[in-house]
C-alpha atoms as a PDB file:
ATOM      1  CA  MET A   1      29.612  33.821 -52.630  1.00  0.00           C
ATOM      2  CA  GLN A   2      28.043  30.761 -54.160  1.00  0.00           C
ATOM      3  CA  ARG A   3      25.765  28.410 -51.994  1.00  0.00           C
ATOM      4  CA  GLN A   4      26.676  25.717 -50.910  1.00  0.00           C
ATOM      5  CA  TYR A   5      23.737  24.135 -49.931  1.00  0.00           C
ATOM      6  CA  HIS A   6      21.040  23.036 -52.376  1.00  0.00           C
ATOM      7  CA  SER A   7      17.851  21.349 -51.535  1.00  0.00           C
ATOM      8  CA  ASN A   8      14.063  20.501 -54.234  1.00  0.00           C
ATOM      9  CA  LEU A   9      12.838  18.450 -51.055  1.00  0.00           C
ATOM     10  CA  PRO A  10      10.060  21.611 -50.892  1.00  0.00           C
ATOM     11  CA  PHE A  11       9.611  21.109 -54.303  1.00  0.00           C
ATOM     12  CA  VAL A  12       9.298  17.344 -54.005  1.00  0.00           C
ATOM     13  CA  ASP A  13       6.852  17.979 -51.373  1.00  0.00           C
ATOM     14  CA  LEU A  14       4.644  20.103 -52.812  1.00  0.00           C
ATOM     15  CA  LEU A  15       4.522  17.978 -56.136  1.00  0.00           C
ATOM     16  CA  PHE A  16       3.970  14.305 -54.038  1.00  0.00           C
ATOM     17  CA  ASN A  17       0.588  16.712 -51.561  1.00  0.00           C
ATOM     18  CA  VAL A  18       0.023  17.658 -55.162  1.00  0.00           C
ATOM     19  CA  LEU A  19      -0.485  14.124 -56.928  1.00  0.00           C
ATOM     20  CA  ILE A  20      -2.085  12.626 -53.475  1.00  0.00           C
ATOM     21  CA  GLY A  21      -4.516  15.130 -53.236  1.00  0.00           C
ATOM     22  CA  PHE A  22      -5.253  14.084 -56.845  1.00  0.00           C
ATOM     23  CA  VAL A  23      -5.682  10.560 -56.563  1.00  0.00           C
ATOM     24  CA  PHE A  24      -8.347  11.447 -53.192  1.00  0.00           C
ATOM     25  CA  LEU A  25     -10.573  13.050 -55.395  1.00  0.00           C
ATOM     26  CA  PHE A  26     -10.075  10.061 -58.324  1.00  0.00           C
ATOM     27  CA  ILE A  27     -11.236   7.404 -55.774  1.00  0.00           C
ATOM     28  CA  VAL A  28     -13.950  10.124 -54.339  1.00  0.00           C
ATOM     29  CA  SER A  29     -15.740  10.686 -58.271  1.00  0.00           C
ATOM     30  CA  PHE A  30     -15.021   7.175 -58.775  1.00  0.00           C
ATOM     31  CA  LEU A  31     -16.946   6.149 -55.848  1.00  0.00           C
ATOM     32  CA  LEU A  32     -19.383   8.392 -56.830  1.00  0.00           C
ATOM     33  CA  ILE A  33     -20.340   6.972 -60.450  1.00  0.00           C
ATOM     34  CA  ASN A  34     -23.305   4.915 -60.811  1.00  0.00           C
ATOM     35  CA  PRO A  35     -23.636   1.718 -61.947  1.00  0.00           C
ATOM     36  CA  ILE A  36     -25.704   1.503 -65.145  1.00  0.00           C
ATOM     37  CA  ALA A  37     -29.163   0.374 -64.779  1.00  0.00           C
ATOM     38  CA  LYS A  38     -29.631  -3.047 -66.676  1.00  0.00           C
ATOM     39  CA  ARG A  39     -31.897  -3.305 -69.146  1.00  0.00           C
ATOM     40  CA  ALA A  40     -35.400  -5.749 -67.863  1.00  0.00           C
ATOM     41  CA  ASP A  41     -34.061  -9.148 -68.808  1.00  0.00           C
ATOM     42  CA  ILE A  42     -38.061 -10.286 -69.956  1.00  0.00           C
ATOM     43  CA  GLU A  43     -38.127  -7.610 -72.959  1.00  0.00           C
ATOM     44  CA  VAL A  44     -42.016  -7.234 -73.801  1.00  0.00           C
ATOM     45  CA  LYS A  45     -43.940  -7.834 -77.151  1.00  0.00           C
ATOM     46  CA  ALA A  46     -46.409  -5.381 -77.419  1.00  0.00           C
ATOM     47  CA  GLU A  47     -47.984  -4.449 -81.629  1.00  0.00           C
ATOM     48  CA  PHE A  48     -50.465  -1.952 -79.565  1.00  0.00           C
ATOM     49  CA  LEU A  49     -51.674  -0.525 -76.624  1.00  0.00           C
ATOM     50  CA  ILE A  50     -55.596  -0.245 -75.916  1.00  0.00           C
ATOM     51  CA  THR A  51     -55.362   1.742 -72.785  1.00  0.00           C
ATOM     52  CA  VAL A  52     -58.385   3.087 -70.597  1.00  0.00           C
ATOM     53  CA  THR A  53     -58.924   5.278 -68.592  1.00  0.00           C
ATOM     54  CA  TRP A  54     -61.342   6.919 -66.090  1.00  0.00           C
ATOM     55  CA  PRO A  55     -60.930  10.052 -62.970  1.00  0.00           C
ATOM     56  CA  ASP A  56     -59.184   7.818 -59.488  1.00  0.00           C
ATOM     57  CA  ASN A  57     -61.111   7.064 -56.214  1.00  0.00           C
ATOM     58  CA  LEU A  58     -64.074   6.295 -57.808  1.00  0.00           C
ATOM     59  CA  GLU A  59     -65.577   3.783 -56.984  1.00  0.00           C
ATOM     60  CA  ASP A  60     -67.229   2.771 -60.660  1.00  0.00           C
ATOM     61  CA  ASP A  61     -66.088  -0.299 -62.982  1.00  0.00           C
ATOM     62  CA  VAL A  62     -65.672   0.036 -66.380  1.00  0.00           C
ATOM     63  CA  ASP A  63     -64.581  -2.803 -68.366  1.00  0.00           C
ATOM     64  CA  THR A  64     -62.585  -3.355 -71.321  1.00  0.00           C
ATOM     65  CA  TYR A  65     -63.834  -5.224 -74.310  1.00  0.00           C
ATOM     66  CA  VAL A  66     -62.009  -6.134 -77.300  1.00  0.00           C
ATOM     67  CA  GLU A  67     -62.773  -8.565 -80.401  1.00  0.00           C
ATOM     68  CA  ASP A  68     -59.988  -9.405 -82.763  1.00  0.00           C
ATOM     69  CA  PRO A  69     -60.770 -10.374 -87.014  1.00  0.00           C
ATOM     70  CA  ALA A  70     -60.918 -13.737 -85.734  1.00  0.00           C
ATOM     71  CA  GLY A  71     -63.398 -13.624 -83.025  1.00  0.00           C
ATOM     72  CA  ASN A  72     -61.542 -13.625 -80.285  1.00  0.00           C
ATOM     73  CA  LEU A  73     -63.133 -10.931 -77.054  1.00  0.00           C
ATOM     74  CA  VAL A  74     -60.612 -10.022 -74.845  1.00  0.00           C
ATOM     75  CA  TRP A  75     -63.244  -8.815 -70.814  1.00  0.00           C
ATOM     76  CA  PHE A  76     -62.432  -9.457 -67.460  1.00  0.00           C
ATOM     77  CA  ARG A  77     -63.351 -13.387 -68.086  1.00  0.00           C
ATOM     78  CA  SER A  78     -61.380 -14.318 -70.773  1.00  0.00           C
ATOM     79  CA  ARG A  79     -57.890 -12.002 -70.578  1.00  0.00           C
ATOM     80  CA  GLU A  80     -55.740 -13.742 -72.623  1.00  0.00           C
ATOM     81  CA  PRO A  81     -57.681 -14.872 -76.130  1.00  0.00           C
ATOM     82  CA  GLY A  82     -55.732 -15.152 -79.480  1.00  0.00           C
ATOM     83  CA  LEU A  83     -52.961 -12.684 -78.924  1.00  0.00           C
ATOM     84  CA  MET A  84     -54.789 -10.260 -76.699  1.00  0.00           C
ATOM     85  CA  HIS A  85     -54.144  -9.595 -72.918  1.00  0.00           C
ATOM     86  CA  LEU A  86     -55.788  -8.118 -70.230  1.00  0.00           C
ATOM     87  CA  ASP A  87     -53.383  -6.389 -68.036  1.00  0.00           C
ATOM     88  CA  ARG A  88     -55.442  -5.751 -65.443  1.00  0.00           C
ATOM     89  CA  ASP A  89     -59.677  -6.260 -64.840  1.00  0.00           C
ATOM     90  CA  ASP A  90     -59.563  -2.534 -62.641  1.00  0.00           C
ATOM     91  CA  LEU A  91     -62.495  -2.180 -60.216  1.00  0.00           C
ATOM     92  CA  GLY A  92     -62.677   1.181 -59.726  1.00  0.00           C
ATOM     93  CA  LYS A  93     -61.600   1.878 -55.645  1.00  0.00           C
ATOM     94  CA  ARG A  94     -62.342  -1.022 -54.718  1.00  0.00           C
ATOM     95  CA  ASN A  95     -59.513  -2.751 -56.000  1.00  0.00           C
ATOM     96  CA  ASP A  96     -56.600   0.151 -55.191  1.00  0.00           C
ATOM     97  CA  GLU A  97     -55.885  -1.448 -52.209  1.00  0.00           C
ATOM     98  CA  VAL A  98     -52.939  -4.719 -51.762  1.00  0.00           C
ATOM     99  CA  VAL A  99     -51.896  -5.904 -49.087  1.00  0.00           C
ATOM    100  CA  THR A 100     -48.124  -6.620 -49.022  1.00  0.00           C
ATOM    101  CA  ALA A 101     -45.633  -7.627 -45.864  1.00  0.00           C
ATOM    102  CA  ALA A 102     -44.801  -4.599 -45.829  1.00  0.00           C
ATOM    103  CA  GLY A 103     -48.159  -3.000 -45.173  1.00  0.00           C
ATOM    104  CA  THR A 104     -50.836  -1.809 -47.488  1.00  0.00           C
ATOM    105  CA  ILE A 105     -50.256  -0.315 -50.606  1.00  0.00           C
ATOM    106  CA  LEU A 106     -52.624   1.691 -51.616  1.00  0.00           C
ATOM    107  CA  PHE A 107     -52.916   2.350 -55.947  1.00  0.00           C
ATOM    108  CA  PRO A 108     -55.503   5.011 -56.474  1.00  0.00           C
ATOM    109  CA  GLU A 109     -55.414   5.101 -60.702  1.00  0.00           C
ATOM    110  CA  ASN A 110     -58.330   3.606 -62.194  1.00  0.00           C
ATOM    111  CA  ARG A 111     -57.309   1.786 -65.732  1.00  0.00           C
ATOM    112  CA  GLU A 112     -57.451  -1.115 -67.726  1.00  0.00           C
ATOM    113  CA  ILE A 113     -55.015  -2.235 -70.202  1.00  0.00           C
ATOM    114  CA  VAL A 114     -54.943  -4.404 -73.117  1.00  0.00           C
ATOM    115  CA  THR A 115     -52.033  -5.616 -75.174  1.00  0.00           C
ATOM    116  CA  LEU A 116     -52.118  -6.767 -78.547  1.00  0.00           C
ATOM    117  CA  ARG A 117     -48.707  -8.617 -79.094  1.00  0.00           C
ATOM    118  CA  GLY A 118     -49.741  -9.563 -82.736  1.00  0.00           C
ATOM    119  CA  ILE A 119     -50.562  -8.611 -85.821  1.00  0.00           C
ATOM    120  CA  VAL A 120     -53.918 -10.291 -87.249  1.00  0.00           C
ATOM    121  CA  PRO A 121     -55.320  -8.212 -90.093  1.00  0.00           C
ATOM    122  CA  GLY A 122     -59.004  -7.774 -90.030  1.00  0.00           C
ATOM    123  CA  GLU A 123     -60.705  -5.571 -88.005  1.00  0.00           C
ATOM    124  CA  TYR A 124     -60.752  -5.146 -84.428  1.00  0.00           C
ATOM    125  CA  VAL A 125     -63.705  -3.694 -82.104  1.00  0.00           C
ATOM    126  CA  VAL A 126     -63.124  -1.870 -78.729  1.00  0.00           C
ATOM    127  CA  ASN A 127     -65.969  -1.043 -76.947  1.00  0.00           C
ATOM    128  CA  ILE A 128     -65.805   0.078 -72.888  1.00  0.00           C
ATOM    129  CA  HIS A 129     -68.822  -0.774 -70.740  1.00  0.00           C
ATOM    130  CA  MET A 130     -70.410   0.143 -67.287  1.00  0.00           C
ATOM    131  CA  TYR A 131     -70.282  -2.850 -64.785  1.00  0.00           C
ATOM    132  CA  PHE A 132     -70.635  -1.474 -62.238  1.00  0.00           C
ATOM    133  CA  LYS A 133     -71.827   2.177 -60.684  1.00  0.00           C
ATOM    134  CA  VAL A 134     -72.153   3.800 -58.289  1.00  0.00           C
ATOM    135  CA  GLY A 135     -72.814   8.032 -58.241  1.00  0.00           C
ATOM    136  CA  GLN A 136     -74.617   9.899 -59.568  1.00  0.00           C
ATOM    137  CA  GLU A 137     -73.089  11.891 -62.140  1.00  0.00           C
ATOM    138  CA  PRO A 138     -71.628  10.900 -65.610  1.00  0.00           C
ATOM    139  CA  VAL A 139     -68.049   9.585 -65.028  1.00  0.00           C
ATOM    140  CA  PRO A 140     -65.183  10.618 -68.093  1.00  0.00           C
ATOM    141  CA  VAL A 141     -63.687   7.816 -69.388  1.00  0.00           C
ATOM    142  CA  THR A 142     -60.743   8.210 -71.371  1.00  0.00           C
ATOM    143  CA  ILE A 143     -58.909   5.632 -74.221  1.00  0.00           C
ATOM    144  CA  GLN A 144     -55.403   5.641 -75.481  1.00  0.00           C
ATOM    145  CA  ILE A 145     -54.839   3.577 -79.028  1.00  0.00           C
ATOM    146  CA  ASP A 146     -51.571   3.104 -79.418  1.00  0.00           C
ATOM    147  CA  LYS A 147     -49.789   1.203 -81.869  1.00  0.00           C
ATOM    148  CA  ILE A 148     -46.363   0.844 -80.899  1.00  0.00           C
ATOM    149  CA  ASN A 149     -43.825   0.213 -83.694  1.00  0.00           C
ATOM    150  CA  PRO A 150     -43.628   2.430 -85.602  1.00  0.00           C
ATOM    151  CA  TYR A 151     -44.956   4.254 -82.366  1.00  0.00           C
ATOM    152  CA  SER A 152     -47.629   6.622 -83.528  1.00  0.00           C
ATOM    153  CA  VAL A 153     -51.071   7.555 -81.130  1.00  0.00           C
ATOM    154  CA  VAL A 154     -54.354   5.774 -83.239  1.00  0.00           C
ATOM    155  CA  LEU A 155     -56.702   7.054 -81.800  1.00  0.00           C
ATOM    156  CA  ARG A 156     -57.493   9.018 -78.479  1.00  0.00           C
ATOM    157  CA  GLU A 157     -60.762  10.130 -76.529  1.00  0.00           C
ATOM    158  CA  THR A 158     -63.732  11.031 -74.564  1.00  0.00           C
ATOM    159  CA  ILE A 159     -66.334   9.063 -73.849  1.00  0.00           C
ATOM    160  CA  GLU A 160     -68.414   9.340 -70.560  1.00  0.00           C
ATOM    161  CA  LEU A 161     -70.648   6.792 -69.693  1.00  0.00           C
ATOM    162  CA  LYS A 162     -73.837   7.821 -66.939  1.00  0.00           C
ATOM    163  CA  SER A 163     -75.198   4.453 -65.587  1.00  0.00           C
ATOM    164  CA  LYS A 164     -74.700   0.526 -65.093  1.00  0.00           C
ATOM    165  CA  GLY A 165     -74.792  -1.157 -68.114  1.00  0.00           C
ATOM    166  CA  ASP A 166     -74.062   1.548 -70.071  1.00  0.00           C
ATOM    167  CA  GLU A 167     -71.861   0.500 -73.374  1.00  0.00           C
ATOM    168  CA  ALA A 168     -70.265   2.534 -76.101  1.00  0.00           C
ATOM    169  CA  THR A 169     -67.889   1.883 -79.290  1.00  0.00           C
ATOM    170  CA  VAL A 170     -65.342   4.172 -79.225  1.00  0.00           C
ATOM    171  CA  ALA A 171     -63.477   2.824 -81.889  1.00  0.00           C
ATOM    172  CA  ARG A 172     -63.355   0.129 -85.472  1.00  0.00           C
ATOM    173  CA  PHE A 173     -60.591   0.067 -86.742  1.00  0.00           C
ATOM    174  CA  SER A 174     -58.803  -2.273 -89.691  1.00  0.00           C
ATOM    175  CA  VAL A 175     -54.883  -2.919 -89.368  1.00  0.00           C
ATOM    176  CA  LYS A 176     -53.390  -4.468 -92.572  1.00  0.00           C
ATOM    177  CA  SER A 177     -51.013  -7.743 -92.334  1.00  0.00           C
ATOM    178  CA  ASN A 178     -47.507  -5.114 -92.251  1.00  0.00           C
ATOM    179  CA  GLY A 179     -49.161  -3.485 -89.665  1.00  0.00           C
ATOM    180  CA  ASP A 180     -50.575  -0.745 -90.502  1.00  0.00           C
ATOM    181  CA  VAL A 181     -54.166   1.158 -89.561  1.00  0.00           C
ATOM    182  CA  ILE A 182     -56.968   2.595 -91.925  1.00  0.00           C
ATOM    183  CA  ASN A 183     -60.764   2.686 -91.816  1.00  0.00           C
ATOM    184  CA  VAL A 184     -61.063   4.120 -87.974  1.00  0.00           C
ATOM    185  CA  ASN A 185     -64.973   4.009 -87.839  1.00  0.00           C
ATOM    186  CA  LYS A 186     -67.488   4.195 -84.448  1.00  0.00           C
ATOM    187  CA  LEU A 187     -69.975   1.909 -86.166  1.00  0.00           C
ATOM    188  CA  PRO A 188     -71.791   0.456 -83.231  1.00  0.00           C
ATOM    189  CA  LYS A 189     -71.223  -2.654 -82.251  1.00  0.00           C
ATOM    190  CA  LYS A 190     -72.592  -4.466 -78.541  1.00  0.00           C
ATOM    191  CA  LEU A 191     -70.392  -6.371 -77.632  1.00  0.00           C
ATOM    192  CA  VAL A 192     -71.021  -7.889 -74.209  1.00  0.00           C
ATOM    193  CA  GLU A 193     -74.710  -9.220 -74.225  1.00  0.00           C
ATOM    194  CA  GLY A 194     -73.977 -12.117 -75.794  1.00  0.00           C
ATOM    195  CA  TRP A 195     -70.954 -12.895 -74.392  1.00  0.00           C
ATOM    196  CA  GLN A 196     -72.378 -13.003 -71.175  1.00  0.00           C
ATOM    197  CA  LYS A 197     -74.365 -14.978 -70.824  1.00  0.00           C
ATOM    198  CA  GLY A 198     -72.084 -17.788 -71.549  1.00  0.00           C
END
């Protein structure tokens, strides 16, 4: 006996249900894809970064002084001499709050960054200075000098400043015209006295 009636309708129905399931999964996965983050429109050009940090939430004010081979000095009253730039004069705890329309934002990190945007061959001098001291305890100040192109750490050191007016030469280093760093030393050189009188 032969069947007279033959239908593929259940198979076709199952096939379309599976197809709809795959389309649904594709749409959901497509919606969950994160957009590719856009790169910053502003490229920061730097050859060296000098980062000075001290413990958070201290009221003590440590200042950074950097002198380039041409005699330009970057410090809190001269933030962009020559090819150098002081990012922010951190006053310790005194300027850790920023008031915006959204409310008060707390930024307790004590940090100053000096950027050397180009290469001037010759000797650079990096000093730190205790401008304002509140507590009795010495303040450990960490200094890191990074060469950016190609990346290398020139120096990372921690120095203690004990009282108001203390100044320490962190490093004196020479840079060749191709950017190579040579002759890193700590021969003391005062930078604060002569510049603050003017």
